N, C-alpha and C. Protein backbone atom coordinates (compact mmCIF):
# COMPACT_ATOMS: atom_id res chain seq x y z
N MET A 1 -8.95 2.24 7.29
CA MET A 1 -8.31 3.24 6.59
C MET A 1 -8.31 4.58 7.43
N VAL A 2 -7.21 5.28 7.36
CA VAL A 2 -7.18 6.51 8.03
C VAL A 2 -7.25 7.62 7.07
N GLU A 3 -7.79 8.78 7.45
CA GLU A 3 -7.94 9.90 6.65
C GLU A 3 -6.74 10.89 6.86
N VAL A 4 -6.09 11.37 5.91
CA VAL A 4 -4.98 12.35 6.00
C VAL A 4 -5.22 13.56 5.05
N LYS A 5 -4.70 14.64 5.45
CA LYS A 5 -4.70 15.80 4.59
C LYS A 5 -3.35 15.91 3.82
N VAL A 6 -3.39 16.14 2.60
CA VAL A 6 -2.24 16.27 1.76
C VAL A 6 -2.03 17.72 1.29
N LYS A 7 -1.11 18.40 1.95
CA LYS A 7 -0.92 19.78 1.61
C LYS A 7 0.04 19.92 0.41
N LEU A 8 -0.42 20.62 -0.54
CA LEU A 8 0.37 20.73 -1.82
C LEU A 8 1.20 22.03 -1.85
N LEU A 9 2.47 21.89 -2.11
CA LEU A 9 3.40 22.98 -2.18
C LEU A 9 3.91 23.16 -3.65
N ASN A 10 4.51 24.40 -3.87
CA ASN A 10 5.17 24.70 -5.04
C ASN A 10 4.39 24.34 -6.33
N LEU A 11 5.01 23.64 -7.18
CA LEU A 11 4.42 23.30 -8.58
C LEU A 11 3.14 22.50 -8.46
N TYR A 12 3.08 21.67 -7.42
CA TYR A 12 1.83 20.92 -7.37
C TYR A 12 0.57 21.85 -7.04
N ARG A 13 0.83 22.82 -6.20
CA ARG A 13 -0.34 23.75 -5.90
C ARG A 13 -0.68 24.56 -7.12
N ILE A 14 0.34 24.96 -7.85
CA ILE A 14 0.08 25.75 -9.09
C ILE A 14 -0.63 24.98 -10.15
N LYS A 15 -0.07 23.70 -10.48
CA LYS A 15 -0.64 22.97 -11.53
C LYS A 15 -2.05 22.38 -11.15
N ILE A 16 -2.28 21.92 -9.93
CA ILE A 16 -3.49 21.39 -9.52
C ILE A 16 -4.60 22.40 -9.11
N GLY A 17 -4.07 23.51 -8.49
CA GLY A 17 -4.96 24.66 -8.31
C GLY A 17 -5.61 24.52 -6.93
N LYS A 18 -5.10 23.63 -6.11
CA LYS A 18 -5.66 23.43 -4.76
C LYS A 18 -4.56 23.47 -3.74
N LYS A 19 -4.88 23.92 -2.50
CA LYS A 19 -3.90 24.00 -1.46
C LYS A 19 -3.71 22.63 -0.70
N TYR A 20 -4.78 21.75 -0.80
CA TYR A 20 -4.68 20.46 -0.10
C TYR A 20 -5.71 19.65 -0.65
N LEU A 21 -5.49 18.28 -0.47
CA LEU A 21 -6.34 17.11 -0.84
C LEU A 21 -6.56 16.29 0.41
N ILE A 22 -7.72 15.50 0.38
CA ILE A 22 -7.94 14.52 1.42
C ILE A 22 -7.92 13.11 0.78
N TYR A 23 -7.08 12.24 1.50
CA TYR A 23 -6.91 10.90 0.90
C TYR A 23 -7.07 9.99 2.16
N GLU A 24 -7.41 8.64 1.82
CA GLU A 24 -7.44 7.64 2.90
C GLU A 24 -6.44 6.58 2.52
N GLY A 25 -5.73 6.15 3.47
CA GLY A 25 -4.70 5.00 3.35
C GLY A 25 -4.08 4.74 4.59
N GLU A 26 -3.35 3.65 4.60
CA GLU A 26 -2.59 3.15 5.76
C GLU A 26 -1.17 3.59 5.81
N THR A 27 -0.56 3.85 4.64
CA THR A 27 0.82 4.25 4.51
C THR A 27 1.02 5.33 3.55
N VAL A 28 2.19 5.99 3.65
CA VAL A 28 2.52 6.99 2.66
C VAL A 28 2.42 6.38 1.19
N ARG A 29 2.83 5.18 1.02
CA ARG A 29 2.80 4.52 -0.19
C ARG A 29 1.32 4.58 -0.78
N ASP A 30 0.31 4.22 0.10
CA ASP A 30 -1.04 4.26 -0.34
C ASP A 30 -1.48 5.68 -0.95
N ILE A 31 -1.04 6.65 -0.16
CA ILE A 31 -1.51 8.03 -0.44
C ILE A 31 -0.81 8.44 -1.80
N VAL A 32 0.52 8.12 -1.91
CA VAL A 32 1.27 8.56 -3.19
C VAL A 32 0.66 7.97 -4.34
N ARG A 33 0.37 6.62 -4.23
CA ARG A 33 -0.19 5.89 -5.40
C ARG A 33 -1.50 6.49 -5.93
N GLN A 34 -2.38 6.88 -4.85
CA GLN A 34 -3.67 7.50 -5.29
C GLN A 34 -3.39 8.83 -5.93
N PHE A 35 -2.50 9.56 -5.37
CA PHE A 35 -2.16 10.91 -5.91
C PHE A 35 -1.70 10.79 -7.24
N ILE A 36 -0.77 9.91 -7.58
CA ILE A 36 -0.20 9.65 -8.90
C ILE A 36 -1.30 9.21 -9.87
N ALA A 37 -2.21 8.35 -9.44
CA ALA A 37 -3.35 7.94 -10.29
C ALA A 37 -4.24 9.12 -10.63
N ASP A 38 -4.53 9.95 -9.68
CA ASP A 38 -5.34 11.14 -9.89
C ASP A 38 -4.77 12.18 -10.67
N TYR A 39 -3.40 12.32 -10.72
CA TYR A 39 -2.81 13.52 -11.30
C TYR A 39 -1.71 13.05 -12.18
N LYS A 40 -1.72 11.87 -12.89
CA LYS A 40 -0.68 11.38 -13.69
C LYS A 40 -0.46 12.21 -14.97
N ASP A 41 -1.51 13.00 -15.34
CA ASP A 41 -1.42 13.85 -16.54
C ASP A 41 -0.48 15.10 -16.30
N ILE A 42 -0.15 15.44 -15.08
CA ILE A 42 0.80 16.53 -14.81
C ILE A 42 2.18 16.10 -14.31
N ILE A 43 2.33 14.80 -14.26
CA ILE A 43 3.65 14.24 -13.76
C ILE A 43 4.38 13.50 -14.87
N LYS A 44 5.66 13.88 -15.16
CA LYS A 44 6.37 13.29 -16.23
C LYS A 44 6.60 11.84 -15.86
N PRO A 45 6.40 10.90 -16.85
CA PRO A 45 6.54 9.47 -16.53
C PRO A 45 7.95 9.08 -15.92
N GLU A 46 8.95 9.82 -16.39
CA GLU A 46 10.32 9.51 -15.98
C GLU A 46 10.55 9.82 -14.51
N PHE A 47 9.58 10.50 -13.80
CA PHE A 47 9.62 10.78 -12.43
C PHE A 47 8.91 9.76 -11.61
N ILE A 48 8.39 8.69 -12.24
CA ILE A 48 7.70 7.58 -11.47
C ILE A 48 8.33 6.32 -11.82
N GLU A 49 8.53 5.50 -10.72
CA GLU A 49 9.06 4.26 -10.83
C GLU A 49 8.35 3.34 -9.91
N ASP A 50 7.88 2.21 -10.50
CA ASP A 50 7.07 1.25 -9.77
C ASP A 50 5.86 1.77 -9.04
N GLY A 51 5.20 2.78 -9.69
CA GLY A 51 4.04 3.41 -9.21
C GLY A 51 4.21 4.41 -8.10
N LEU A 52 5.54 4.77 -7.89
CA LEU A 52 5.84 5.73 -6.75
C LEU A 52 6.85 6.78 -7.45
N PHE A 53 6.93 7.89 -6.69
CA PHE A 53 7.83 8.86 -7.17
C PHE A 53 9.28 8.45 -6.90
N ILE A 54 10.16 8.98 -7.89
CA ILE A 54 11.62 8.83 -7.74
C ILE A 54 12.01 9.57 -6.53
N ASP A 55 13.14 9.49 -6.00
CA ASP A 55 13.53 10.16 -4.74
C ASP A 55 13.67 11.67 -4.75
N LYS A 56 13.50 12.36 -5.89
CA LYS A 56 13.62 13.73 -5.90
C LYS A 56 12.40 14.55 -5.33
N ASN A 57 11.22 13.80 -5.26
CA ASN A 57 10.05 14.34 -4.71
C ASN A 57 10.23 14.57 -3.19
N LEU A 58 9.75 15.65 -2.65
CA LEU A 58 9.92 15.88 -1.17
C LEU A 58 8.54 15.58 -0.47
N ILE A 59 8.60 14.61 0.46
CA ILE A 59 7.32 14.22 1.17
C ILE A 59 7.67 14.22 2.63
N PHE A 60 6.70 15.00 3.38
CA PHE A 60 6.93 15.10 4.74
C PHE A 60 5.57 14.59 5.43
N VAL A 61 5.79 13.92 6.57
CA VAL A 61 4.60 13.58 7.36
C VAL A 61 4.67 14.33 8.67
N ASN A 62 3.74 15.16 8.99
CA ASN A 62 3.70 15.98 10.20
C ASN A 62 5.14 16.80 10.32
N GLY A 63 5.58 17.33 9.17
CA GLY A 63 6.80 18.03 9.17
C GLY A 63 8.16 17.26 9.16
N ARG A 64 8.04 15.96 9.17
CA ARG A 64 9.25 15.08 9.11
C ARG A 64 9.45 14.39 7.75
N ASP A 65 10.59 14.57 7.14
CA ASP A 65 10.89 14.02 5.90
C ASP A 65 10.75 12.48 5.96
N ILE A 66 10.07 11.93 4.98
CA ILE A 66 9.92 10.47 5.05
C ILE A 66 11.22 9.65 4.90
N ASP A 67 12.22 10.31 4.39
CA ASP A 67 13.57 9.72 4.22
C ASP A 67 14.07 9.39 5.65
N TYR A 68 13.67 10.03 6.66
CA TYR A 68 14.06 9.79 8.02
C TYR A 68 13.13 9.08 8.86
N LEU A 69 12.12 8.65 8.22
CA LEU A 69 11.02 7.78 8.89
C LEU A 69 11.22 6.39 8.21
N ASP A 70 10.02 5.86 7.77
CA ASP A 70 10.12 4.57 7.03
C ASP A 70 9.87 4.64 5.61
N LYS A 71 10.21 5.80 4.99
CA LYS A 71 10.04 6.12 3.62
C LYS A 71 8.58 5.90 3.24
N PHE A 72 8.34 5.21 2.09
CA PHE A 72 6.94 5.04 1.66
C PHE A 72 6.21 4.13 2.61
N ASP A 73 6.84 3.26 3.36
CA ASP A 73 6.15 2.46 4.27
C ASP A 73 5.79 3.08 5.66
N THR A 74 5.97 4.40 5.68
CA THR A 74 5.60 5.15 6.93
C THR A 74 4.09 4.99 7.22
N LYS A 75 3.84 4.44 8.42
CA LYS A 75 2.41 4.27 8.75
C LYS A 75 1.77 5.65 9.11
N LEU A 76 0.44 5.71 8.82
CA LEU A 76 -0.30 6.97 9.02
C LEU A 76 -1.31 6.78 10.10
N LYS A 77 -1.72 7.94 10.77
CA LYS A 77 -2.76 7.94 11.80
C LYS A 77 -3.79 9.03 11.29
N ASP A 78 -5.05 8.84 11.74
CA ASP A 78 -6.03 9.80 11.50
C ASP A 78 -5.54 11.26 11.90
N GLY A 79 -5.78 12.20 10.95
CA GLY A 79 -5.39 13.53 11.25
C GLY A 79 -3.95 13.94 10.88
N ASP A 80 -3.18 12.91 10.39
CA ASP A 80 -1.75 13.27 9.94
C ASP A 80 -1.80 14.15 8.81
N GLU A 81 -0.81 15.01 8.61
CA GLU A 81 -0.67 15.91 7.45
C GLU A 81 0.52 15.55 6.73
N ILE A 82 0.29 15.31 5.44
CA ILE A 82 1.48 15.03 4.47
C ILE A 82 1.64 16.34 3.67
N MET A 83 2.86 16.69 3.50
CA MET A 83 3.21 17.82 2.64
C MET A 83 3.96 17.23 1.50
N MET A 84 3.62 17.64 0.24
CA MET A 84 4.25 17.25 -0.94
C MET A 84 4.81 18.32 -1.74
N SER A 85 6.04 18.24 -2.14
CA SER A 85 6.66 19.39 -2.95
C SER A 85 7.59 18.75 -4.01
N TRP A 86 7.52 19.32 -5.15
CA TRP A 86 8.42 18.94 -6.19
C TRP A 86 9.47 20.05 -6.36
N PRO A 87 10.74 19.68 -6.33
CA PRO A 87 11.81 20.78 -6.40
C PRO A 87 11.59 21.63 -7.69
N LEU A 88 11.62 22.87 -7.53
CA LEU A 88 11.36 23.83 -8.55
C LEU A 88 12.31 23.72 -9.74
N ASN A 89 13.53 23.22 -9.54
CA ASN A 89 14.48 23.12 -10.61
C ASN A 89 14.30 21.96 -11.52
N ILE A 90 13.35 21.01 -11.14
CA ILE A 90 13.13 19.83 -11.97
C ILE A 90 11.96 20.03 -12.91
N GLY A 91 10.79 20.62 -12.39
CA GLY A 91 9.60 20.76 -13.18
C GLY A 91 8.72 19.58 -13.28
N LEU A 92 7.53 19.83 -13.75
CA LEU A 92 6.50 18.75 -13.99
C LEU A 92 6.35 18.63 -15.48
N ALA A 93 5.26 17.98 -15.82
CA ALA A 93 4.90 17.77 -17.26
C ALA A 93 4.59 19.03 -17.95
C-alpha cells in the first residue's frame, strides 16, 4: 500500500474541518472508497454510484484531473497528492 495526502477543497474542507487527510491505497478508487466510507454522513446518496462518486466530483492527482488519467483506476505512488473538490453549485448533504 502507498500513502497519499488527500487535500480537501471547497465544501469538503468546510464540512470536515480539515485541510487534508492521509490514506493508504493502490489506486484512486481505493482512496475514494475509504473517503466515502469515512464521511458518508455528509455526502448525499444520489452523488454516489457503485461506491464511488458520480462524475461531478473533481479529483486531481498531482494537479492532473483523473478524467485525463485512468479515472478511478489511476495508480498511485508514495507521496502523491490527491485534491478533491465538490462543485459549489451542487452542494453536499
